[in-house]
Amino acid sequence: MKPEDLIQHARRIISGGRLDEELGSAAGTLAEALEFLRIYAGEKSSFYKSLSTIDQKGRGKYVMKYVATDLEAFIRFVQNGLHQGISIERQAQIDVVSDFLEQANNLLNSKEVHPAAATMVIGAALEEFLRNWIEESGLSLGNKRASIDSYAKMLREENYITKQDAKDITSWGGLRNHAAHGEWDEVKDKSRVSLMLEGVNLFMRKYGK
């Protein structure tokens, strides 16, 4: 979502909350604000953490005060260009991985190339994306072997990704392993590999920010 859209949406929540306040309850607005911040600021952000401690059964005026204050702070954060929260190095790495996925798409559309080739490239791009994310976040695998599965488990343990994300990554990693071990029958279906490519693309768009 563009910065101006984030700001507009946050202000709409604040305005809608005033009506709830008049009705003596701001539970609905609080829930909407929390979901908004969870998606666009992140569960580990101070904005989300601060608001998540508010008693949803509290008086409307009390709750709305904290909702408005928190969202106004988030608006200033976005206006100052701090919402990107990503280093130049990390952005460059994401751009490279995006190029890999474009190459995979070209391979998938080539009649002379087996879908396994695209599967390998998609898997490599996914692993690189997860590895860079782990490093950028200051996390460590310890003695665990570096792999798509290990990266996904750590990100899930830290609540960086959802349970469904982890399941999707396991599925994608499985296809990559089939291709890596020459199990061609498991990756001969172009439509299946195409779904993998689409899923990894969406995953990167969701978290590559």
N, C-alpha and C. Protein backbone atom coordinates (compact mmCIF):
# COMPACT_ATOMS: atom_id res chain seq x y z
N MET A 1 0.85 -1.20 0.00
CA MET A 1 0.00 0.00 0.00
C MET A 1 0.88 1.25 0.00
N LYS A 2 0.52 2.23 -0.82
CA LYS A 2 1.29 3.46 -0.92
C LYS A 2 1.17 4.26 0.38
N PRO A 3 2.20 5.09 0.69
CA PRO A 3 2.18 5.89 1.93
C PRO A 3 0.92 6.72 2.09
N GLU A 4 0.49 7.37 0.99
CA GLU A 4 -0.71 8.21 1.08
C GLU A 4 -1.95 7.39 1.37
N ASP A 5 -1.96 6.16 0.88
CA ASP A 5 -3.10 5.27 1.14
C ASP A 5 -3.10 4.80 2.60
N LEU A 6 -1.91 4.52 3.12
CA LEU A 6 -1.79 4.13 4.52
C LEU A 6 -2.30 5.23 5.43
N ILE A 7 -1.88 6.46 5.12
CA ILE A 7 -2.29 7.62 5.93
C ILE A 7 -3.80 7.82 5.87
N GLN A 8 -4.35 7.75 4.66
CA GLN A 8 -5.79 7.92 4.48
C GLN A 8 -6.57 6.86 5.25
N HIS A 9 -6.09 5.62 5.18
CA HIS A 9 -6.79 4.52 5.85
C HIS A 9 -6.73 4.69 7.37
N ALA A 10 -5.57 5.10 7.87
CA ALA A 10 -5.42 5.30 9.32
C ALA A 10 -6.35 6.41 9.80
N ARG A 11 -6.45 7.47 9.04
CA ARG A 11 -7.33 8.58 9.41
C ARG A 11 -8.79 8.19 9.34
N ARG A 12 -9.12 7.31 8.40
CA ARG A 12 -10.51 6.84 8.30
C ARG A 12 -10.88 6.04 9.54
N ILE A 13 -9.94 5.24 10.05
CA ILE A 13 -10.19 4.45 11.26
C ILE A 13 -10.41 5.38 12.45
N ILE A 14 -9.58 6.43 12.52
CA ILE A 14 -9.72 7.39 13.62
C ILE A 14 -11.09 8.07 13.56
N SER A 15 -11.50 8.49 12.35
CA SER A 15 -12.80 9.16 12.19
C SER A 15 -13.95 8.22 12.54
N GLY A 16 -13.85 6.98 12.10
CA GLY A 16 -14.89 6.01 12.40
C GLY A 16 -14.97 5.72 13.88
N GLY A 17 -13.86 5.83 14.56
CA GLY A 17 -13.82 5.56 15.99
C GLY A 17 -14.57 6.59 16.80
N ARG A 18 -14.67 7.79 16.28
CA ARG A 18 -15.39 8.84 17.01
C ARG A 18 -16.87 8.49 17.15
N LEU A 19 -17.43 7.84 16.12
CA LEU A 19 -18.84 7.41 16.19
C LEU A 19 -18.99 6.32 17.24
N ASP A 20 -18.03 5.38 17.27
CA ASP A 20 -18.07 4.33 18.29
C ASP A 20 -17.98 4.94 19.68
N GLU A 21 -17.17 5.97 19.79
CA GLU A 21 -16.98 6.62 21.09
C GLU A 21 -18.29 7.23 21.58
N GLU A 22 -19.04 7.82 20.65
CA GLU A 22 -20.33 8.42 21.00
C GLU A 22 -21.32 7.36 21.47
N LEU A 23 -21.14 6.14 20.94
CA LEU A 23 -22.04 5.05 21.32
C LEU A 23 -21.58 4.36 22.60
N GLY A 24 -20.45 4.84 23.14
CA GLY A 24 -19.97 4.30 24.41
C GLY A 24 -19.07 3.09 24.28
N SER A 25 -18.67 2.73 23.05
CA SER A 25 -17.79 1.58 22.86
C SER A 25 -16.89 1.80 21.64
N ALA A 26 -15.65 1.39 21.77
CA ALA A 26 -14.71 1.53 20.64
C ALA A 26 -14.06 0.20 20.32
N ALA A 27 -14.71 -0.89 20.74
CA ALA A 27 -14.15 -2.23 20.53
C ALA A 27 -13.95 -2.53 19.05
N GLY A 28 -14.93 -2.15 18.24
CA GLY A 28 -14.85 -2.40 16.80
C GLY A 28 -13.70 -1.65 16.17
N THR A 29 -13.55 -0.39 16.55
CA THR A 29 -12.47 0.43 16.02
C THR A 29 -11.11 -0.09 16.48
N LEU A 30 -11.04 -0.52 17.72
CA LEU A 30 -9.79 -1.07 18.24
C LEU A 30 -9.38 -2.31 17.46
N ALA A 31 -10.34 -3.18 17.19
CA ALA A 31 -10.06 -4.40 16.44
C ALA A 31 -9.58 -4.07 15.03
N GLU A 32 -10.23 -3.08 14.40
CA GLU A 32 -9.84 -2.69 13.05
C GLU A 32 -8.44 -2.08 13.05
N ALA A 33 -8.16 -1.24 14.05
CA ALA A 33 -6.85 -0.60 14.14
C ALA A 33 -5.74 -1.63 14.37
N LEU A 34 -6.02 -2.61 15.21
CA LEU A 34 -5.04 -3.66 15.48
C LEU A 34 -4.73 -4.47 14.22
N GLU A 35 -5.77 -4.82 13.48
CA GLU A 35 -5.56 -5.59 12.25
C GLU A 35 -4.79 -4.76 11.22
N PHE A 36 -5.11 -3.49 11.13
CA PHE A 36 -4.42 -2.58 10.22
C PHE A 36 -2.93 -2.50 10.56
N LEU A 37 -2.62 -2.31 11.83
CA LEU A 37 -1.22 -2.22 12.27
C LEU A 37 -0.51 -3.56 12.17
N ARG A 38 -1.24 -4.64 12.40
CA ARG A 38 -0.62 -5.98 12.30
C ARG A 38 -0.12 -6.21 10.88
N ILE A 39 -0.93 -5.80 9.90
CA ILE A 39 -0.58 -6.03 8.50
C ILE A 39 0.47 -5.05 8.00
N TYR A 40 0.30 -3.75 8.32
CA TYR A 40 1.15 -2.73 7.71
C TYR A 40 2.29 -2.22 8.59
N ALA A 41 2.25 -2.51 9.88
CA ALA A 41 3.37 -2.13 10.75
C ALA A 41 4.10 -3.37 11.26
N GLY A 42 3.33 -4.46 11.44
CA GLY A 42 3.93 -5.71 11.91
C GLY A 42 3.65 -5.97 13.37
N GLU A 43 3.51 -7.24 13.72
CA GLU A 43 3.20 -7.61 15.10
C GLU A 43 4.32 -7.25 16.07
N LYS A 44 5.53 -7.09 15.56
CA LYS A 44 6.65 -6.76 16.43
C LYS A 44 6.88 -5.25 16.54
N SER A 45 6.08 -4.46 15.84
CA SER A 45 6.23 -3.00 15.90
C SER A 45 5.71 -2.47 17.23
N SER A 46 6.26 -1.35 17.66
CA SER A 46 5.83 -0.73 18.91
C SER A 46 4.38 -0.24 18.80
N PHE A 47 3.97 0.12 17.59
CA PHE A 47 2.59 0.59 17.38
C PHE A 47 1.60 -0.52 17.71
N TYR A 48 1.85 -1.70 17.14
CA TYR A 48 0.95 -2.83 17.38
C TYR A 48 1.01 -3.30 18.83
N LYS A 49 2.22 -3.43 19.35
CA LYS A 49 2.38 -3.92 20.72
C LYS A 49 1.69 -3.00 21.73
N SER A 50 1.84 -1.70 21.52
CA SER A 50 1.24 -0.73 22.44
C SER A 50 -0.28 -0.83 22.45
N LEU A 51 -0.86 -0.92 21.26
CA LEU A 51 -2.32 -0.95 21.16
C LEU A 51 -2.90 -2.30 21.59
N SER A 52 -2.12 -3.36 21.43
CA SER A 52 -2.62 -4.70 21.77
C SER A 52 -2.78 -4.90 23.28
N THR A 53 -2.22 -3.99 24.08
CA THR A 53 -2.33 -4.11 25.53
C THR A 53 -3.59 -3.43 26.08
N ILE A 54 -4.31 -2.72 25.22
CA ILE A 54 -5.50 -1.99 25.66
C ILE A 54 -6.66 -2.95 25.92
N ASP A 55 -7.37 -2.70 26.99
CA ASP A 55 -8.54 -3.52 27.34
C ASP A 55 -9.68 -3.21 26.38
N GLN A 56 -10.07 -4.19 25.58
CA GLN A 56 -11.13 -3.98 24.59
C GLN A 56 -12.47 -3.69 25.23
N LYS A 57 -12.62 -4.02 26.51
CA LYS A 57 -13.90 -3.77 27.18
C LYS A 57 -13.91 -2.43 27.91
N GLY A 58 -12.84 -1.66 27.71
CA GLY A 58 -12.76 -0.37 28.38
C GLY A 58 -13.76 0.63 27.83
N ARG A 59 -13.91 1.74 28.50
CA ARG A 59 -14.84 2.77 28.07
C ARG A 59 -14.45 3.32 26.70
N GLY A 60 -15.45 3.63 25.88
CA GLY A 60 -15.20 4.08 24.52
C GLY A 60 -14.24 5.24 24.42
N LYS A 61 -14.41 6.24 25.26
CA LYS A 61 -13.56 7.43 25.21
C LYS A 61 -12.12 7.08 25.57
N TYR A 62 -11.96 6.22 26.55
CA TYR A 62 -10.62 5.80 26.99
C TYR A 62 -9.91 5.02 25.88
N VAL A 63 -10.61 4.06 25.30
CA VAL A 63 -10.02 3.23 24.25
C VAL A 63 -9.70 4.06 23.02
N MET A 64 -10.64 4.91 22.62
CA MET A 64 -10.45 5.70 21.40
C MET A 64 -9.28 6.67 21.53
N LYS A 65 -9.04 7.13 22.73
CA LYS A 65 -7.91 8.04 22.96
C LYS A 65 -6.60 7.36 22.58
N TYR A 66 -6.46 6.11 23.00
CA TYR A 66 -5.24 5.37 22.71
C TYR A 66 -5.15 4.97 21.25
N VAL A 67 -6.31 4.62 20.66
CA VAL A 67 -6.32 4.26 19.24
C VAL A 67 -5.88 5.45 18.40
N ALA A 68 -6.49 6.61 18.67
CA ALA A 68 -6.16 7.82 17.90
C ALA A 68 -4.71 8.22 18.09
N THR A 69 -4.22 8.16 19.33
CA THR A 69 -2.83 8.54 19.61
C THR A 69 -1.85 7.63 18.89
N ASP A 70 -2.14 6.34 18.92
CA ASP A 70 -1.26 5.36 18.29
C ASP A 70 -1.26 5.51 16.77
N LEU A 71 -2.43 5.67 16.19
CA LEU A 71 -2.51 5.81 14.75
C LEU A 71 -1.92 7.12 14.26
N GLU A 72 -2.08 8.18 15.04
CA GLU A 72 -1.48 9.46 14.67
C GLU A 72 0.05 9.34 14.67
N ALA A 73 0.58 8.59 15.62
CA ALA A 73 2.03 8.36 15.68
C ALA A 73 2.47 7.56 14.45
N PHE A 74 1.67 6.58 14.07
CA PHE A 74 1.99 5.78 12.88
C PHE A 74 1.93 6.65 11.63
N ILE A 75 0.98 7.56 11.56
CA ILE A 75 0.86 8.48 10.42
C ILE A 75 2.13 9.32 10.29
N ARG A 76 2.61 9.86 11.42
CA ARG A 76 3.85 10.66 11.39
C ARG A 76 5.03 9.80 10.95
N PHE A 77 5.03 8.55 11.39
CA PHE A 77 6.08 7.60 11.04
C PHE A 77 6.12 7.40 9.52
N VAL A 78 4.95 7.24 8.93
CA VAL A 78 4.85 7.05 7.48
C VAL A 78 5.23 8.33 6.74
N GLN A 79 4.75 9.48 7.23
CA GLN A 79 5.04 10.75 6.58
C GLN A 79 6.54 11.04 6.55
N ASN A 80 7.25 10.56 7.55
CA ASN A 80 8.70 10.76 7.61
C ASN A 80 9.48 9.71 6.83
N GLY A 81 8.75 8.83 6.14
CA GLY A 81 9.39 7.84 5.29
C GLY A 81 10.06 6.71 6.04
N LEU A 82 9.67 6.50 7.29
CA LEU A 82 10.32 5.47 8.11
C LEU A 82 9.62 4.12 8.03
N HIS A 83 8.45 4.09 7.37
CA HIS A 83 7.67 2.85 7.35
C HIS A 83 8.29 1.76 6.49
N GLN A 84 9.20 2.14 5.60
CA GLN A 84 9.81 1.13 4.74
C GLN A 84 10.56 0.10 5.56
N GLY A 85 11.27 0.56 6.61
CA GLY A 85 11.92 -0.34 7.56
C GLY A 85 12.80 -1.39 6.92
N ILE A 86 13.48 -1.04 5.85
CA ILE A 86 14.31 -2.02 5.16
C ILE A 86 15.59 -1.34 4.70
N SER A 87 16.71 -2.01 4.85
CA SER A 87 17.99 -1.43 4.48
C SER A 87 18.16 -1.44 2.97
N ILE A 88 19.07 -0.59 2.49
CA ILE A 88 19.35 -0.53 1.05
C ILE A 88 19.89 -1.87 0.58
N GLU A 89 20.73 -2.49 1.42
CA GLU A 89 21.31 -3.78 1.08
C GLU A 89 20.22 -4.84 0.94
N ARG A 90 19.28 -4.84 1.88
CA ARG A 90 18.18 -5.82 1.84
C ARG A 90 17.33 -5.61 0.60
N GLN A 91 17.06 -4.35 0.25
CA GLN A 91 16.25 -4.06 -0.93
C GLN A 91 16.96 -4.56 -2.20
N ALA A 92 18.29 -4.38 -2.24
CA ALA A 92 19.07 -4.84 -3.39
C ALA A 92 18.99 -6.36 -3.50
N GLN A 93 19.04 -7.04 -2.35
CA GLN A 93 18.94 -8.50 -2.35
C GLN A 93 17.58 -8.96 -2.85
N ILE A 94 16.53 -8.26 -2.44
CA ILE A 94 15.18 -8.60 -2.87
C ILE A 94 15.04 -8.40 -4.38
N ASP A 95 15.66 -7.33 -4.89
CA ASP A 95 15.60 -7.06 -6.32
C ASP A 95 16.27 -8.19 -7.11
N VAL A 96 17.39 -8.70 -6.59
CA VAL A 96 18.09 -9.80 -7.25
C VAL A 96 17.22 -11.05 -7.27
N VAL A 97 16.59 -11.35 -6.13
CA VAL A 97 15.72 -12.52 -6.04
C VAL A 97 14.53 -12.37 -6.99
N SER A 98 14.02 -11.15 -7.14
CA SER A 98 12.92 -10.91 -8.07
C SER A 98 13.35 -11.21 -9.50
N ASP A 99 14.60 -10.89 -9.81
CA ASP A 99 15.13 -11.19 -11.14
C ASP A 99 15.18 -12.70 -11.36
N PHE A 100 15.53 -13.45 -10.31
CA PHE A 100 15.55 -14.91 -10.41
C PHE A 100 14.17 -15.44 -10.77
N LEU A 101 13.16 -14.88 -10.13
CA LEU A 101 11.79 -15.34 -10.38
C LEU A 101 11.36 -15.00 -11.80
N GLU A 102 11.84 -13.90 -12.32
CA GLU A 102 11.53 -13.54 -13.71
C GLU A 102 12.18 -14.53 -14.66
N GLN A 103 13.40 -14.95 -14.32
CA GLN A 103 14.09 -15.96 -15.12
C GLN A 103 13.31 -17.28 -15.08
N ALA A 104 12.82 -17.61 -13.90
CA ALA A 104 12.04 -18.85 -13.74
C ALA A 104 10.79 -18.80 -14.61
N ASN A 105 10.16 -17.65 -14.67
CA ASN A 105 8.96 -17.49 -15.49
C ASN A 105 9.28 -17.71 -16.96
N ASN A 106 10.43 -17.18 -17.40
CA ASN A 106 10.84 -17.36 -18.79
C ASN A 106 11.11 -18.84 -19.09
N LEU A 107 11.75 -19.53 -18.14
CA LEU A 107 12.03 -20.96 -18.32
C LEU A 107 10.73 -21.76 -18.40
N LEU A 108 9.79 -21.37 -17.55
CA LEU A 108 8.51 -22.09 -17.49
C LEU A 108 7.73 -21.93 -18.79
N ASN A 109 7.92 -20.80 -19.46
CA ASN A 109 7.20 -20.53 -20.70
C ASN A 109 7.91 -21.08 -21.94
N SER A 110 9.09 -21.67 -21.73
CA SER A 110 9.85 -22.24 -22.84
C SER A 110 9.46 -23.70 -23.05
N LYS A 111 9.08 -24.05 -24.26
CA LYS A 111 8.65 -25.42 -24.57
C LYS A 111 9.83 -26.39 -24.58
N GLU A 112 11.04 -25.86 -24.75
CA GLU A 112 12.22 -26.73 -24.82
C GLU A 112 12.80 -27.08 -23.46
N VAL A 113 12.31 -26.43 -22.41
CA VAL A 113 12.90 -26.61 -21.08
C VAL A 113 11.93 -27.35 -20.16
N HIS A 114 12.45 -28.36 -19.45
CA HIS A 114 11.64 -29.12 -18.50
C HIS A 114 11.28 -28.22 -17.32
N PRO A 115 10.05 -28.33 -16.79
CA PRO A 115 9.62 -27.50 -15.65
C PRO A 115 10.54 -27.62 -14.44
N ALA A 116 11.32 -28.70 -14.37
CA ALA A 116 12.23 -28.88 -13.24
C ALA A 116 13.23 -27.74 -13.15
N ALA A 117 13.63 -27.20 -14.30
CA ALA A 117 14.61 -26.11 -14.33
C ALA A 117 14.04 -24.87 -13.63
N ALA A 118 12.78 -24.55 -13.96
CA ALA A 118 12.13 -23.40 -13.33
C ALA A 118 11.94 -23.65 -11.84
N THR A 119 11.61 -24.89 -11.49
CA THR A 119 11.42 -25.26 -10.08
C THR A 119 12.69 -25.02 -9.28
N MET A 120 13.83 -25.38 -9.84
CA MET A 120 15.11 -25.18 -9.15
C MET A 120 15.40 -23.70 -8.93
N VAL A 121 15.13 -22.90 -9.95
CA VAL A 121 15.39 -21.46 -9.85
C VAL A 121 14.46 -20.81 -8.82
N ILE A 122 13.18 -21.21 -8.83
CA ILE A 122 12.22 -20.66 -7.86
C ILE A 122 12.65 -21.04 -6.44
N GLY A 123 13.04 -22.30 -6.27
CA GLY A 123 13.48 -22.76 -4.95
C GLY A 123 14.70 -22.01 -4.47
N ALA A 124 15.65 -21.78 -5.38
CA ALA A 124 16.87 -21.05 -5.02
C ALA A 124 16.54 -19.61 -4.63
N ALA A 125 15.60 -19.00 -5.37
CA ALA A 125 15.19 -17.62 -5.08
C ALA A 125 14.52 -17.55 -3.71
N LEU A 126 13.65 -18.52 -3.42
CA LEU A 126 12.96 -18.55 -2.12
C LEU A 126 13.96 -18.72 -0.99
N GLU A 127 14.91 -19.64 -1.15
CA GLU A 127 15.90 -19.88 -0.10
C GLU A 127 16.75 -18.63 0.15
N GLU A 128 17.13 -17.94 -0.93
CA GLU A 128 17.92 -16.72 -0.79
C GLU A 128 17.14 -15.63 -0.08
N PHE A 129 15.86 -15.52 -0.42
CA PHE A 129 14.99 -14.51 0.22
C PHE A 129 14.89 -14.77 1.72
N LEU A 130 14.67 -16.04 2.10
CA LEU A 130 14.53 -16.39 3.50
C LEU A 130 15.86 -16.21 4.25
N ARG A 131 16.96 -16.59 3.60
CA ARG A 131 18.28 -16.45 4.24
C ARG A 131 18.59 -14.98 4.51
N ASN A 132 18.35 -14.14 3.52
CA ASN A 132 18.60 -12.71 3.70
C ASN A 132 17.72 -12.12 4.80
N TRP A 133 16.50 -12.59 4.87
CA TRP A 133 15.55 -12.12 5.90
C TRP A 133 16.05 -12.50 7.29
N ILE A 134 16.51 -13.73 7.42
CA ILE A 134 17.05 -14.20 8.70
C ILE A 134 18.24 -13.33 9.13
N GLU A 135 19.14 -13.08 8.20
CA GLU A 135 20.34 -12.28 8.51
C GLU A 135 19.97 -10.84 8.85
N GLU A 136 19.06 -10.25 8.08
CA GLU A 136 18.63 -8.87 8.30
C GLU A 136 17.97 -8.72 9.68
N SER A 137 17.30 -9.78 10.12
CA SER A 137 16.59 -9.75 11.40
C SER A 137 17.49 -10.08 12.59
N GLY A 138 18.75 -10.41 12.31
CA GLY A 138 19.68 -10.72 13.38
C GLY A 138 19.44 -12.07 14.03
N LEU A 139 18.81 -12.97 13.31
CA LEU A 139 18.53 -14.30 13.84
C LEU A 139 19.65 -15.27 13.46
N SER A 140 19.72 -16.37 14.16
CA SER A 140 20.76 -17.36 13.89
C SER A 140 20.19 -18.77 13.96
N LEU A 141 20.61 -19.62 13.03
CA LEU A 141 20.15 -21.01 13.03
C LEU A 141 20.89 -21.85 14.06
N GLY A 142 21.98 -21.32 14.58
CA GLY A 142 22.78 -22.10 15.53
C GLY A 142 23.45 -23.26 14.83
N ASN A 143 23.23 -24.47 15.32
CA ASN A 143 23.83 -25.67 14.74
C ASN A 143 22.96 -26.32 13.66
N LYS A 144 21.82 -25.71 13.39
CA LYS A 144 20.92 -26.28 12.38
C LYS A 144 21.48 -26.07 10.98
N ARG A 145 21.22 -27.04 10.11
CA ARG A 145 21.67 -26.94 8.73
C ARG A 145 20.85 -25.89 7.98
N ALA A 146 21.54 -25.05 7.21
CA ALA A 146 20.86 -24.00 6.44
C ALA A 146 20.01 -24.65 5.35
N SER A 147 18.73 -24.36 5.34
CA SER A 147 17.83 -24.90 4.33
C SER A 147 16.54 -24.10 4.35
N ILE A 148 15.73 -24.28 3.32
CA ILE A 148 14.44 -23.61 3.26
C ILE A 148 13.60 -23.96 4.48
N ASP A 149 13.59 -25.23 4.83
CA ASP A 149 12.80 -25.70 5.97
C ASP A 149 13.28 -25.08 7.28
N SER A 150 14.59 -25.01 7.48
CA SER A 150 15.15 -24.43 8.71
C SER A 150 14.82 -22.95 8.82
N TYR A 151 14.95 -22.25 7.71
CA TYR A 151 14.65 -20.82 7.71
C TYR A 151 13.17 -20.59 8.03
N ALA A 152 12.31 -21.38 7.41
CA ALA A 152 10.87 -21.23 7.62
C ALA A 152 10.49 -21.50 9.07
N LYS A 153 11.07 -22.54 9.66
CA LYS A 153 10.76 -22.88 11.05
C LYS A 153 11.17 -21.75 12.00
N MET A 154 12.34 -21.16 11.74
CA MET A 154 12.80 -20.08 12.61
C MET A 154 11.91 -18.86 12.48
N LEU A 155 11.55 -18.51 11.26
CA LEU A 155 10.69 -17.35 11.05
C LEU A 155 9.32 -17.56 11.67
N ARG A 156 8.85 -18.81 11.64
CA ARG A 156 7.57 -19.13 12.25
C ARG A 156 7.67 -19.05 13.77
N GLU A 157 8.76 -19.56 14.33
CA GLU A 157 8.97 -19.52 15.79
C GLU A 157 9.01 -18.08 16.30
N GLU A 158 9.53 -17.18 15.47
CA GLU A 158 9.62 -15.77 15.85
C GLU A 158 8.36 -14.98 15.48
N ASN A 159 7.37 -15.70 14.94
CA ASN A 159 6.10 -15.09 14.53
C ASN A 159 6.27 -14.06 13.41
N TYR A 160 7.28 -14.26 12.58
CA TYR A 160 7.48 -13.38 11.43
C TYR A 160 6.54 -13.78 10.29
N ILE A 161 6.20 -15.07 10.24
CA ILE A 161 5.29 -15.57 9.21
C ILE A 161 4.16 -16.34 9.89
N THR A 162 3.09 -16.57 9.14
CA THR A 162 1.93 -17.28 9.68
C THR A 162 2.11 -18.79 9.55
N LYS A 163 1.23 -19.51 10.19
CA LYS A 163 1.25 -20.98 10.10
C LYS A 163 1.02 -21.42 8.66
N GLN A 164 0.12 -20.71 7.96
CA GLN A 164 -0.15 -21.05 6.56
C GLN A 164 1.06 -20.77 5.69
N ASP A 165 1.76 -19.67 5.97
CA ASP A 165 2.98 -19.36 5.22
C ASP A 165 3.97 -20.51 5.36
N ALA A 166 4.14 -21.00 6.58
CA ALA A 166 5.09 -22.10 6.84
C ALA A 166 4.71 -23.35 6.06
N LYS A 167 3.40 -23.63 5.99
CA LYS A 167 2.93 -24.80 5.24
C LYS A 167 3.22 -24.63 3.75
N ASP A 168 2.99 -23.42 3.25
CA ASP A 168 3.24 -23.15 1.83
C ASP A 168 4.73 -23.32 1.51
N ILE A 169 5.58 -22.79 2.39
CA ILE A 169 7.03 -22.88 2.17
C ILE A 169 7.48 -24.34 2.17
N THR A 170 6.91 -25.14 3.08
CA THR A 170 7.25 -26.57 3.12
C THR A 170 6.88 -27.25 1.81
N SER A 171 5.73 -26.89 1.26
CA SER A 171 5.28 -27.46 -0.01
C SER A 171 6.22 -27.05 -1.15
N TRP A 172 6.57 -25.76 -1.19
CA TRP A 172 7.47 -25.27 -2.23
C TRP A 172 8.85 -25.92 -2.11
N GLY A 173 9.31 -26.05 -0.88
CA GLY A 173 10.61 -26.68 -0.65
C GLY A 173 10.60 -28.13 -1.10
N GLY A 174 9.46 -28.79 -0.93
CA GLY A 174 9.33 -30.18 -1.35
C GLY A 174 9.47 -30.32 -2.85
N LEU A 175 8.85 -29.40 -3.61
CA LEU A 175 8.96 -29.43 -5.06
C LEU A 175 10.40 -29.17 -5.49
N ARG A 176 11.05 -28.24 -4.82
CA ARG A 176 12.44 -27.94 -5.14
C ARG A 176 13.31 -29.18 -4.91
N ASN A 177 13.06 -29.91 -3.84
CA ASN A 177 13.83 -31.11 -3.54
C ASN A 177 13.61 -32.21 -4.59
N HIS A 178 12.37 -32.33 -5.07
CA HIS A 178 12.08 -33.30 -6.12
C HIS A 178 12.92 -33.01 -7.36
N ALA A 179 12.98 -31.72 -7.71
CA ALA A 179 13.75 -31.32 -8.89
C ALA A 179 15.24 -31.55 -8.67
N ALA A 180 15.70 -31.23 -7.46
CA ALA A 180 17.13 -31.37 -7.15
C ALA A 180 17.58 -32.82 -7.18
N HIS A 181 16.67 -33.74 -6.86
CA HIS A 181 17.02 -35.16 -6.83
C HIS A 181 16.62 -35.90 -8.12
N GLY A 182 16.28 -35.13 -9.13
CA GLY A 182 15.98 -35.73 -10.42
C GLY A 182 14.70 -36.52 -10.47
N GLU A 183 13.76 -36.21 -9.58
CA GLU A 183 12.47 -36.89 -9.57
C GLU A 183 11.52 -36.15 -10.52
N TRP A 184 11.79 -36.33 -11.81
CA TRP A 184 11.14 -35.53 -12.85
C TRP A 184 9.63 -35.64 -12.87
N ASP A 185 9.10 -36.82 -12.59
CA ASP A 185 7.65 -37.01 -12.63
C ASP A 185 6.92 -36.12 -11.63
N GLU A 186 7.62 -35.76 -10.55
CA GLU A 186 7.00 -34.93 -9.50
C GLU A 186 6.93 -33.45 -9.90
N VAL A 187 7.73 -33.08 -10.91
CA VAL A 187 7.77 -31.66 -11.31
C VAL A 187 7.54 -31.48 -12.81
N LYS A 188 6.86 -32.44 -13.43
CA LYS A 188 6.63 -32.34 -14.87
C LYS A 188 5.38 -31.52 -15.21
N ASP A 189 4.54 -31.30 -14.20
CA ASP A 189 3.30 -30.55 -14.41
C ASP A 189 3.57 -29.05 -14.35
N LYS A 190 3.51 -28.38 -15.49
CA LYS A 190 3.81 -26.95 -15.55
C LYS A 190 2.84 -26.12 -14.71
N SER A 191 1.58 -26.54 -14.67
CA SER A 191 0.59 -25.78 -13.91
C SER A 191 0.93 -25.79 -12.43
N ARG A 192 1.45 -26.92 -11.95
CA ARG A 192 1.83 -27.03 -10.54
C ARG A 192 3.02 -26.12 -10.22
N VAL A 193 3.99 -26.10 -11.13
CA VAL A 193 5.17 -25.25 -10.94
C VAL A 193 4.77 -23.78 -11.07
N SER A 194 3.81 -23.51 -11.95
CA SER A 194 3.31 -22.15 -12.13
C SER A 194 2.66 -21.64 -10.84
N LEU A 195 1.92 -22.51 -10.16
CA LEU A 195 1.30 -22.15 -8.88
C LEU A 195 2.38 -21.86 -7.83
N MET A 196 3.46 -22.64 -7.88
CA MET A 196 4.59 -22.42 -6.98
C MET A 196 5.19 -21.04 -7.22
N LEU A 197 5.40 -20.71 -8.50
CA LEU A 197 5.97 -19.41 -8.86
C LEU A 197 5.07 -18.27 -8.39
N GLU A 198 3.77 -18.42 -8.63
CA GLU A 198 2.82 -17.39 -8.21
C GLU A 198 2.81 -17.24 -6.69
N GLY A 199 2.84 -18.37 -5.99
CA GLY A 199 2.82 -18.34 -4.53
C GLY A 199 4.05 -17.67 -3.95
N VAL A 200 5.22 -18.00 -4.48
CA VAL A 200 6.47 -17.41 -3.99
C VAL A 200 6.49 -15.91 -4.30
N ASN A 201 5.98 -15.54 -5.46
CA ASN A 201 5.90 -14.12 -5.82
C ASN A 201 5.04 -13.35 -4.83
N LEU A 202 3.87 -13.90 -4.52
CA LEU A 202 2.96 -13.25 -3.57
C LEU A 202 3.57 -13.18 -2.18
N PHE A 203 4.26 -14.25 -1.79
CA PHE A 203 4.91 -14.29 -0.48
C PHE A 203 5.96 -13.19 -0.37
N MET A 204 6.76 -13.03 -1.43
CA MET A 204 7.79 -12.01 -1.41
C MET A 204 7.21 -10.60 -1.39
N ARG A 205 6.11 -10.41 -2.11
CA ARG A 205 5.46 -9.10 -2.10
C ARG A 205 4.90 -8.77 -0.72
N LYS A 206 4.42 -9.81 -0.06
CA LYS A 206 3.84 -9.63 1.28
C LYS A 206 4.88 -9.25 2.32
N TYR A 207 6.06 -9.89 2.25
CA TYR A 207 7.06 -9.68 3.28
C TYR A 207 8.31 -8.92 2.82
N GLY A 208 8.41 -8.66 1.53
CA GLY A 208 9.57 -7.93 1.05
C GLY A 208 9.40 -6.45 1.12
N LYS A 209 9.24 -5.93 2.33
CA LYS A 209 9.01 -4.50 2.54
C LYS A 209 9.67 -4.05 3.83
